[in-house]
Protein backbone atom coordinates (compact mmCIF):
# COMPACT_ATOMS: atom_id res chain seq x y z
CA MET A 1 50.60 4.69 13.79
CA ARG A 2 53.44 2.18 14.53
CA THR A 3 56.73 1.50 12.74
CA LEU A 4 57.55 -2.20 13.09
CA GLN A 5 60.29 -4.42 11.91
CA PRO A 6 59.30 -7.48 9.78
CA TYR A 7 59.83 -9.87 12.78
CA ASP A 8 57.23 -7.92 14.83
CA LEU A 9 54.59 -7.60 12.12
CA GLN A 10 51.60 -10.03 12.39
CA PRO A 11 49.12 -10.94 9.47
CA GLY A 12 45.99 -8.75 9.63
CA MET A 13 47.70 -5.50 10.43
CA LYS A 14 47.02 -2.76 7.91
CA LEU A 15 49.61 -0.66 6.20
CA LEU A 16 49.55 3.12 6.41
CA GLU A 17 52.41 3.55 4.05
CA ALA A 18 53.48 1.51 1.04
CA VAL A 19 56.21 -0.97 1.59
CA ILE A 20 59.18 -0.31 -0.80
CA THR A 21 62.33 -2.17 -1.20
CA PRO A 22 65.73 -0.38 -1.01
CA SER A 23 65.87 -0.61 -4.75
CA GLY A 24 62.55 1.06 -5.20
CA GLN A 25 60.19 -1.91 -5.88
CA VAL A 26 56.78 -1.59 -4.47
CA LEU A 27 55.99 -4.74 -2.38
CA ALA A 28 52.49 -3.58 -1.11
CA PRO A 29 50.59 -0.27 -1.41
CA ALA A 30 49.30 1.67 1.40
CA GLY A 31 45.92 0.37 2.72
CA SER A 32 46.97 -3.31 2.14
CA GLU A 33 46.61 -5.95 4.98
CA ILE A 34 49.79 -7.57 6.03
CA THR A 35 50.13 -11.23 5.09
CA ARG A 36 52.59 -13.84 5.88
CA GLN A 37 53.82 -13.83 2.31
CA LEU A 38 54.53 -10.07 2.60
CA ILE A 39 56.41 -10.43 5.75
CA ASN A 40 58.56 -13.14 4.13
CA ARG A 41 59.17 -10.90 1.01
CA MET A 42 60.18 -7.91 3.36
CA LYS A 43 62.78 -10.29 4.86
CA LEU A 44 64.07 -11.47 1.54
CA TYR A 45 64.31 -7.97 0.24
CA ARG A 46 65.94 -6.54 3.44
CA VAL A 47 62.97 -4.02 3.99
CA ALA A 48 63.73 -2.60 7.41
CA SER A 49 60.20 -1.72 8.69
CA ALA A 50 56.60 -0.95 7.85
CA VAL A 51 54.32 1.60 9.12
CA VAL A 52 51.03 0.15 10.35
CA GLU A 53 47.82 1.22 12.06
CA GLY A 54 47.75 1.41 15.80
CA GLU A 55 49.15 3.33 18.65
CA ASP A 56 52.63 2.91 20.17
CA ILE A 57 51.99 0.98 23.47
CA THR A 58 53.06 2.85 26.59
CA LEU A 59 52.28 2.16 30.23
CA ALA A 60 50.36 4.56 32.36
CA PRO A 61 52.13 5.88 35.41
CA VAL A 62 52.08 3.63 38.23
CA SER A 63 50.49 5.05 41.36
CA ASN A 64 51.87 4.43 44.86
CA THR A 65 48.83 2.30 45.84
CA ALA A 66 49.21 0.09 42.74
CA ALA A 67 52.90 -0.25 42.68
CA ASN A 68 52.77 -3.92 43.02
CA ALA A 69 49.90 -4.59 40.75
CA PRO A 70 50.66 -6.85 37.71
CA VAL A 71 51.27 -4.95 34.51
CA PRO A 72 48.58 -5.99 31.97
CA GLU A 73 49.90 -7.32 28.68
CA PRO A 74 49.32 -5.11 25.58
CA PRO A 75 46.56 -6.35 23.35
CA LYS A 76 47.68 -8.60 20.57
CA PRO A 77 46.95 -7.42 17.00
CA ARG A 78 44.06 -9.06 15.19
CA THR A 79 44.89 -11.87 12.97
CA TYR A 80 43.00 -13.79 10.27
CA ILE A 81 43.39 -17.42 10.35
CA ASN A 82 41.41 -17.97 7.12
CA GLU A 83 43.30 -15.17 5.33
CA VAL A 84 42.60 -15.04 1.62
CA LYS A 85 45.65 -15.79 -0.49
CA THR A 86 46.45 -15.66 -4.09
CA ALA A 87 47.91 -18.80 -5.75
CA LYS A 88 51.33 -17.06 -5.96
CA GLN A 89 51.15 -16.41 -2.18
CA LYS A 90 50.20 -19.89 -1.33
CA VAL A 91 53.27 -21.13 -3.20
CA ALA A 92 55.72 -18.73 -1.79
CA SER A 93 54.69 -19.59 1.81
CA SER A 94 54.64 -23.30 1.21
CA ASP A 95 57.10 -25.97 2.26
CA ALA A 96 57.51 -26.72 -1.36
CA PHE A 97 58.98 -23.32 -2.02
CA HIS A 98 61.54 -23.59 0.71
CA THR A 99 62.41 -27.12 -0.90
CA PHE A 100 62.70 -25.25 -4.35
CA GLN A 101 65.09 -22.68 -2.79
CA MET A 102 67.42 -25.41 -1.59
CA GLN A 103 67.22 -27.33 -4.87
CA TYR A 104 67.88 -24.02 -6.75
CA ALA A 105 71.16 -23.31 -4.70
CA LEU A 106 72.35 -26.85 -5.33
CA ALA A 107 71.66 -26.53 -9.08
CA MET A 108 73.84 -23.25 -9.21
CA GLU A 109 76.72 -24.92 -7.58
CA GLU A 110 76.54 -28.11 -9.64
CA LEU A 111 76.49 -25.91 -12.85
CA LYS A 112 79.44 -24.04 -11.62
CA LYS A 113 81.38 -27.36 -11.17
CA VAL A 114 80.28 -28.48 -14.67
CA PHE A 115 81.35 -25.32 -16.25
CA THR A 116 84.76 -25.54 -14.47
CA ASP A 117 85.14 -29.26 -15.77
CA ILE A 118 84.41 -28.18 -19.28
CA VAL A 119 86.41 -24.95 -19.48
CA ASP A 120 89.47 -25.63 -17.27
CA TYR A 121 89.87 -29.44 -17.73
CA GLY A 122 88.41 -30.04 -21.06
CA LYS A 123 86.04 -32.73 -19.88
CA GLU A 124 83.30 -34.08 -22.21
CA ILE A 125 79.84 -32.91 -21.43
CA GLU A 126 77.49 -35.58 -20.12
CA PRO A 127 74.01 -34.35 -21.06
CA ASP A 128 72.04 -36.59 -18.50
CA THR A 129 74.49 -35.43 -15.70
CA LEU A 130 73.86 -31.86 -16.72
CA LEU A 131 70.11 -32.09 -16.77
CA ASP A 132 70.17 -33.55 -13.49
CA CYS A 133 71.34 -30.15 -12.10
CA VAL A 134 67.98 -28.76 -12.73
CA ALA A 135 65.72 -31.79 -13.03
CA ASP A 136 64.42 -31.45 -9.41
CA LEU A 137 63.43 -27.83 -10.16
CA PHE A 138 60.61 -28.82 -12.56
CA ARG A 139 60.08 -32.45 -11.83
CA SER A 140 57.95 -31.89 -8.69
CA ARG A 141 56.13 -28.84 -9.71
CA ASN A 142 52.34 -29.35 -10.24
CA THR A 143 51.91 -26.59 -12.95
CA ILE A 144 54.08 -24.26 -15.06
CA THR A 145 52.43 -21.49 -13.11
CA GLU A 146 53.61 -22.70 -9.75
CA LEU A 147 57.17 -23.13 -11.27
CA PHE A 148 57.00 -19.56 -12.69
CA ASP A 149 55.73 -18.33 -9.17
CA MET A 150 58.74 -20.07 -7.50
CA LEU A 151 61.06 -18.71 -9.94
CA ASN A 152 60.01 -15.15 -9.39
CA ASN A 153 60.68 -15.58 -5.69
CA THR A 154 64.41 -16.25 -6.28
CA ARG A 155 65.01 -12.76 -7.49
CA THR A 156 67.11 -11.84 -4.48
CA ILE A 157 69.95 -14.08 -5.99
CA ASN A 158 71.98 -11.89 -8.07
CA ASP A 159 74.34 -13.82 -10.38
CA SER A 160 75.04 -13.04 -13.96
CA VAL A 161 76.21 -16.45 -15.00
CA TYR A 162 75.03 -19.44 -12.96
CA ALA A 163 71.65 -18.23 -11.65
CA HIS A 164 70.84 -16.67 -14.84
CA SER A 165 71.64 -19.87 -16.86
CA VAL A 166 69.37 -21.85 -14.56
CA ASN A 167 66.68 -19.30 -14.90
CA VAL A 168 67.04 -19.22 -18.69
CA ALA A 169 66.96 -23.05 -18.94
CA LEU A 170 63.74 -23.21 -16.79
CA ILE A 171 62.04 -20.37 -18.89
CA ALA A 172 63.12 -21.90 -22.15
CA ARG A 173 61.83 -25.13 -21.17
CA MET A 174 58.49 -23.50 -20.26
CA ILE A 175 58.35 -21.99 -23.80
CA GLY A 176 59.08 -25.32 -25.27
CA ARG A 177 56.12 -26.94 -23.35
CA TRP A 178 53.93 -24.05 -24.57
CA LEU A 179 55.02 -24.85 -28.10
CA LYS A 180 54.22 -28.57 -27.43
CA MET A 181 57.65 -29.79 -28.11
CA ASP A 182 58.45 -33.59 -27.56
CA THR A 183 60.51 -34.89 -24.71
CA HIS A 184 63.68 -35.08 -26.65
CA ASP A 185 63.61 -31.48 -27.98
CA LEU A 186 62.68 -30.35 -24.44
CA LYS A 187 65.91 -31.77 -23.07
CA ILE A 188 68.03 -30.20 -25.85
CA LEU A 189 66.20 -26.84 -25.26
CA THR A 190 66.94 -27.06 -21.50
CA LEU A 191 70.63 -27.95 -22.12
CA ALA A 192 70.79 -25.03 -24.58
CA GLY A 193 69.58 -22.70 -21.77
CA LEU A 194 72.12 -24.12 -19.35
CA LEU A 195 74.98 -23.71 -21.51
CA HIS A 196 74.04 -20.64 -23.58
CA ASP A 197 76.32 -18.12 -21.53
CA ILE A 198 79.30 -20.57 -20.80
CA GLY A 199 81.31 -18.04 -22.77
CA LYS A 200 80.93 -15.55 -19.89
CA VAL A 201 83.49 -17.46 -17.89
CA LYS A 202 86.10 -16.07 -20.31
CA VAL A 203 85.11 -12.47 -19.43
CA PRO A 204 86.75 -10.97 -16.31
CA GLU A 205 84.36 -10.94 -13.26
CA GLU A 206 85.27 -7.34 -12.55
CA ILE A 207 83.53 -6.47 -15.88
CA LEU A 208 80.65 -8.87 -15.70
CA ASN A 209 79.80 -7.55 -12.16
CA LYS A 210 80.69 -3.89 -12.69
CA SER A 211 78.12 -1.68 -10.94
CA GLY A 212 78.85 1.50 -13.10
CA SER A 213 78.48 1.98 -16.82
CA LEU A 214 80.75 -0.15 -19.11
CA THR A 215 83.50 1.45 -21.33
CA ASP A 216 83.22 0.74 -25.11
CA GLU A 217 86.07 -1.62 -24.70
CA GLU A 218 84.43 -3.49 -21.76
CA PHE A 219 81.16 -3.77 -23.64
CA ALA A 220 83.05 -5.10 -26.75
CA LEU A 221 84.59 -7.76 -24.52
CA ILE A 222 81.18 -8.83 -23.15
CA LYS A 223 79.76 -8.87 -26.71
CA ASN A 224 82.35 -11.62 -27.47
CA HIS A 225 80.97 -14.03 -25.01
CA PRO A 226 78.71 -15.81 -27.74
CA ARG A 227 81.84 -16.63 -29.81
CA TYR A 228 83.83 -17.66 -26.62
CA GLY A 229 80.82 -19.97 -25.78
CA TYR A 230 80.84 -21.59 -29.25
CA ASP A 231 84.60 -22.11 -29.12
CA ILE A 232 84.21 -23.95 -25.74
CA LEU A 233 81.39 -26.11 -27.12
CA LYS A 234 82.20 -26.68 -30.71
CA TYR A 235 84.21 -30.01 -30.28
CA GLN A 236 81.80 -31.42 -27.71
CA SER A 237 79.68 -34.39 -28.66
CA ILE A 238 76.41 -32.50 -28.21
CA ASP A 239 73.39 -31.60 -30.26
CA PRO A 240 74.30 -28.94 -32.76
CA ARG A 241 71.42 -26.65 -31.66
CA ILE A 242 73.08 -26.30 -28.27
CA LYS A 243 76.17 -24.95 -29.79
CA LYS A 244 74.23 -22.63 -32.05
CA ALA A 245 72.27 -21.32 -29.08
CA ALA A 246 75.53 -20.30 -27.41
CA LEU A 247 76.61 -18.51 -30.59
CA MET A 248 73.36 -16.97 -31.62
CA HIS A 249 71.30 -16.15 -28.66
CA HIS A 250 72.10 -12.30 -29.09
CA GLU A 251 71.19 -12.31 -32.74
CA ARG A 252 67.90 -10.61 -33.65
CA CYS A 253 65.61 -11.31 -36.53
CA ASP A 254 66.02 -7.71 -37.97
CA GLY A 255 69.81 -8.00 -38.00
CA SER A 256 70.32 -5.77 -35.12
CA GLY A 257 71.95 -8.47 -32.82
CA TYR A 258 75.47 -9.64 -32.49
CA PRO A 259 78.10 -11.08 -33.05
CA SER A 260 77.28 -11.67 -36.75
CA HIS A 261 74.10 -9.42 -37.42
CA LEU A 262 72.29 -12.56 -38.65
CA THR A 263 68.67 -12.16 -39.79
CA GLU A 264 65.70 -14.55 -39.09
CA ASP A 265 66.35 -17.04 -41.74
CA ASN A 266 69.84 -17.62 -40.61
CA ILE A 267 69.32 -17.81 -36.91
CA ASP A 268 68.69 -21.26 -35.35
CA ALA A 269 65.15 -21.87 -33.95
CA PHE A 270 66.39 -22.92 -30.46
CA ALA A 271 68.75 -19.83 -30.41
CA MET A 272 65.51 -17.63 -30.93
CA ILE A 273 63.81 -19.22 -28.08
CA ILE A 274 66.75 -18.86 -25.81
CA ALA A 275 67.08 -15.18 -26.83
CA ILE A 276 63.43 -14.48 -25.49
CA ALA A 277 64.13 -16.37 -22.20
CA ASP A 278 67.51 -14.63 -21.87
CA VAL A 279 65.93 -11.15 -22.31
CA TYR A 280 62.98 -11.76 -20.02
CA ASP A 281 65.20 -13.01 -17.23
CA ALA A 282 67.68 -10.06 -17.50
CA MET A 283 64.84 -7.56 -17.49
CA THR A 284 63.10 -9.13 -14.35
CA ALA A 285 66.28 -9.14 -12.48
CA ALA A 286 67.66 -6.19 -10.34
CA ARG A 287 70.43 -4.08 -11.69
CA SER A 288 72.60 -1.51 -10.06
CA TYR A 289 70.83 1.28 -12.12
CA ARG A 290 67.22 0.11 -11.68
CA ALA A 291 64.82 -2.16 -9.74
CA PRO A 292 63.67 -5.30 -11.38
CA LEU A 293 60.82 -4.81 -13.85
CA CYS A 294 57.58 -6.64 -13.23
CA ALA A 295 56.20 -9.07 -15.81
CA PHE A 296 53.86 -6.58 -17.44
CA GLN A 297 56.54 -3.99 -17.84
CA VAL A 298 58.70 -6.46 -19.60
CA ILE A 299 55.63 -7.61 -21.76
CA GLY A 300 55.13 -3.95 -22.63
CA ASN A 301 58.82 -3.58 -23.74
CA PHE A 302 58.59 -6.70 -25.87
CA GLU A 303 55.32 -5.44 -27.48
CA LYS A 304 57.02 -2.08 -28.18
CA ASP A 305 59.62 -3.44 -30.62
CA GLY A 306 59.92 -7.20 -30.13
CA TYR A 307 58.00 -8.37 -33.06
CA GLN A 308 60.73 -6.97 -35.28
CA LYS A 309 63.55 -8.47 -33.30
CA TYR A 310 62.09 -11.83 -32.24
CA ASN A 311 60.28 -14.71 -33.87
CA THR A 312 56.71 -13.65 -33.88
CA ARG A 313 55.40 -17.22 -33.07
CA TYR A 314 57.62 -17.88 -30.26
CA LEU A 315 57.27 -14.47 -28.75
CA LEU A 316 53.59 -14.24 -28.97
CA THR A 317 53.18 -17.78 -27.50
CA PHE A 318 55.45 -16.64 -24.55
CA LEU A 319 53.71 -13.27 -23.99
CA LYS A 320 50.14 -14.65 -23.91
CA GLN A 321 51.20 -17.41 -21.48
CA ILE A 322 53.17 -14.97 -19.16
CA ALA A 323 50.16 -12.63 -19.06
CA ALA A 324 47.79 -15.57 -18.43
CA THR A 325 49.85 -16.47 -15.53
CA TYR A 326 48.93 -13.40 -13.61
CA GLN A 327 45.14 -13.33 -14.59
CA SER A 328 43.23 -12.27 -11.34
CA ASN A 329 46.44 -11.36 -9.58
CA ARG A 330 46.70 -8.42 -7.32
CA VAL A 331 48.84 -5.51 -8.84
CA VAL A 332 50.06 -2.00 -8.05
CA LEU A 333 49.71 0.86 -10.60
CA ASN A 334 52.36 3.56 -11.20
CA ASP A 335 50.09 5.97 -9.21
CA GLY A 336 50.35 3.56 -6.09
CA ARG A 337 46.76 2.16 -6.35
CA GLY A 338 46.23 -1.48 -5.67
CA CYS A 339 43.89 -3.42 -7.94
CA ASN A 340 43.20 -6.85 -9.42
CA ILE A 341 43.56 -8.00 -12.98
CA VAL A 342 40.10 -9.04 -14.22
CA MET A 343 40.54 -9.38 -18.06
CA LEU A 344 43.44 -9.60 -20.53
CA ASN A 345 43.42 -7.32 -23.56
CA GLN A 346 44.73 -9.91 -26.23
CA ASN A 347 45.96 -7.02 -28.55
CA ASP A 348 47.57 -5.23 -25.63
CA LEU A 349 48.72 -7.75 -23.18
CA SER A 350 50.74 -5.45 -20.90
CA ARG A 351 47.52 -3.41 -20.30
CA PRO A 352 44.68 -5.43 -18.97
CA ILE A 353 41.47 -4.45 -17.38
CA VAL A 354 41.78 -4.04 -13.71
CA GLN A 355 39.28 -3.72 -10.88
CA PHE A 356 39.78 -1.50 -7.71
CA ASP A 357 38.66 -2.25 -4.20
CA ASP A 358 35.52 -0.10 -4.69
CA ASN A 359 34.56 -2.39 -7.64
CA SER A 360 35.24 0.34 -10.29
CA CYS A 361 37.15 -0.93 -13.36
CA LEU A 362 39.70 0.61 -15.61
CA ASP A 363 40.80 -0.40 -19.05
CA LEU A 364 44.72 0.20 -18.97
CA SER A 365 44.74 0.00 -22.79
CA THR A 366 42.76 3.22 -23.05
CA ASN A 367 44.60 5.03 -20.09
CA ARG A 368 48.15 5.24 -21.40
CA ASP A 369 49.39 7.28 -18.56
CA LEU A 370 48.84 4.34 -16.05
CA TYR A 371 50.59 0.95 -16.13
CA ILE A 372 51.28 -2.06 -13.86
CA LYS A 373 54.33 -1.32 -11.69
CA ALA A 374 54.40 -4.27 -9.55
CA ILE A 375 52.79 -7.68 -8.93
CA ILE A 376 52.04 -8.66 -5.31
């Protein structure tokens, strides 16, 4: 076996051990073939090395009679030009993804400037200018699935305000499209996503970015950010639904949310959509106390108690579309085995039927000890 750094890996090599990020996320199980996309992901997640098949290359002792003979070059590892790639891998290794990364970074910087202008200088919000911050991120994407794949590959960016706001805006816009909203409402929903957490600029950064547990006083301060956001936006000449989304995105349909413990009849529809996008982005992002959850783990969490907390129509539409996005995808189970999703269980979306490399199938809905831990 050989232990190689990402820069020394070649497509076609075979893993002897699983590739795991410093935070514990499985990027590829043992037995997988190295792909260009996996190498790029190892670099992004700062994985130092991988253990692959093959022997360390050493030179035989040089005899006196052959001292001046040329040293043969070591054999190059086998590569596969026509390597089979999933749709997500194709997106992640494409020039379009690298363009998306640059556009994403620009969107974050522009959004930060807009927040500063609003909060520190009291400037009036210009909706079209604000929408331009993220327009390039979804305008050139061929499908929602492609956009979602690209968004998932930005998870190395850890930002609790600006990156999160961009993500929520894009996810909420997806939900709006799945709900068949018209163009005007899609714009308002996107703006609501961009501005929903503007109140966090009033919370000290050392609390927002604290790596350890929050004290009761610190958590109470963070729970005030919806009111701070509403106070910042209430005199702006923008659609009232944007202001309500800032105020109500932590309210829950069963009354368990904050700051006002509203129930479903009193929560704005756009705020309920932003709430779903907000929670999904938070759960799929890395935290100091856990690795990011994969989409199917998040779906499982929503299925557990989400139908009481979130609007059923919005949540079910979202979960079905997210699960369908990963139909036929390669995944890793919690026991380390790799497999492919072959069929979704419509009544148990987080537990599809999977097929292993030996063509045997397993219905995760009837095997509750197993679950999807990572999407690769």
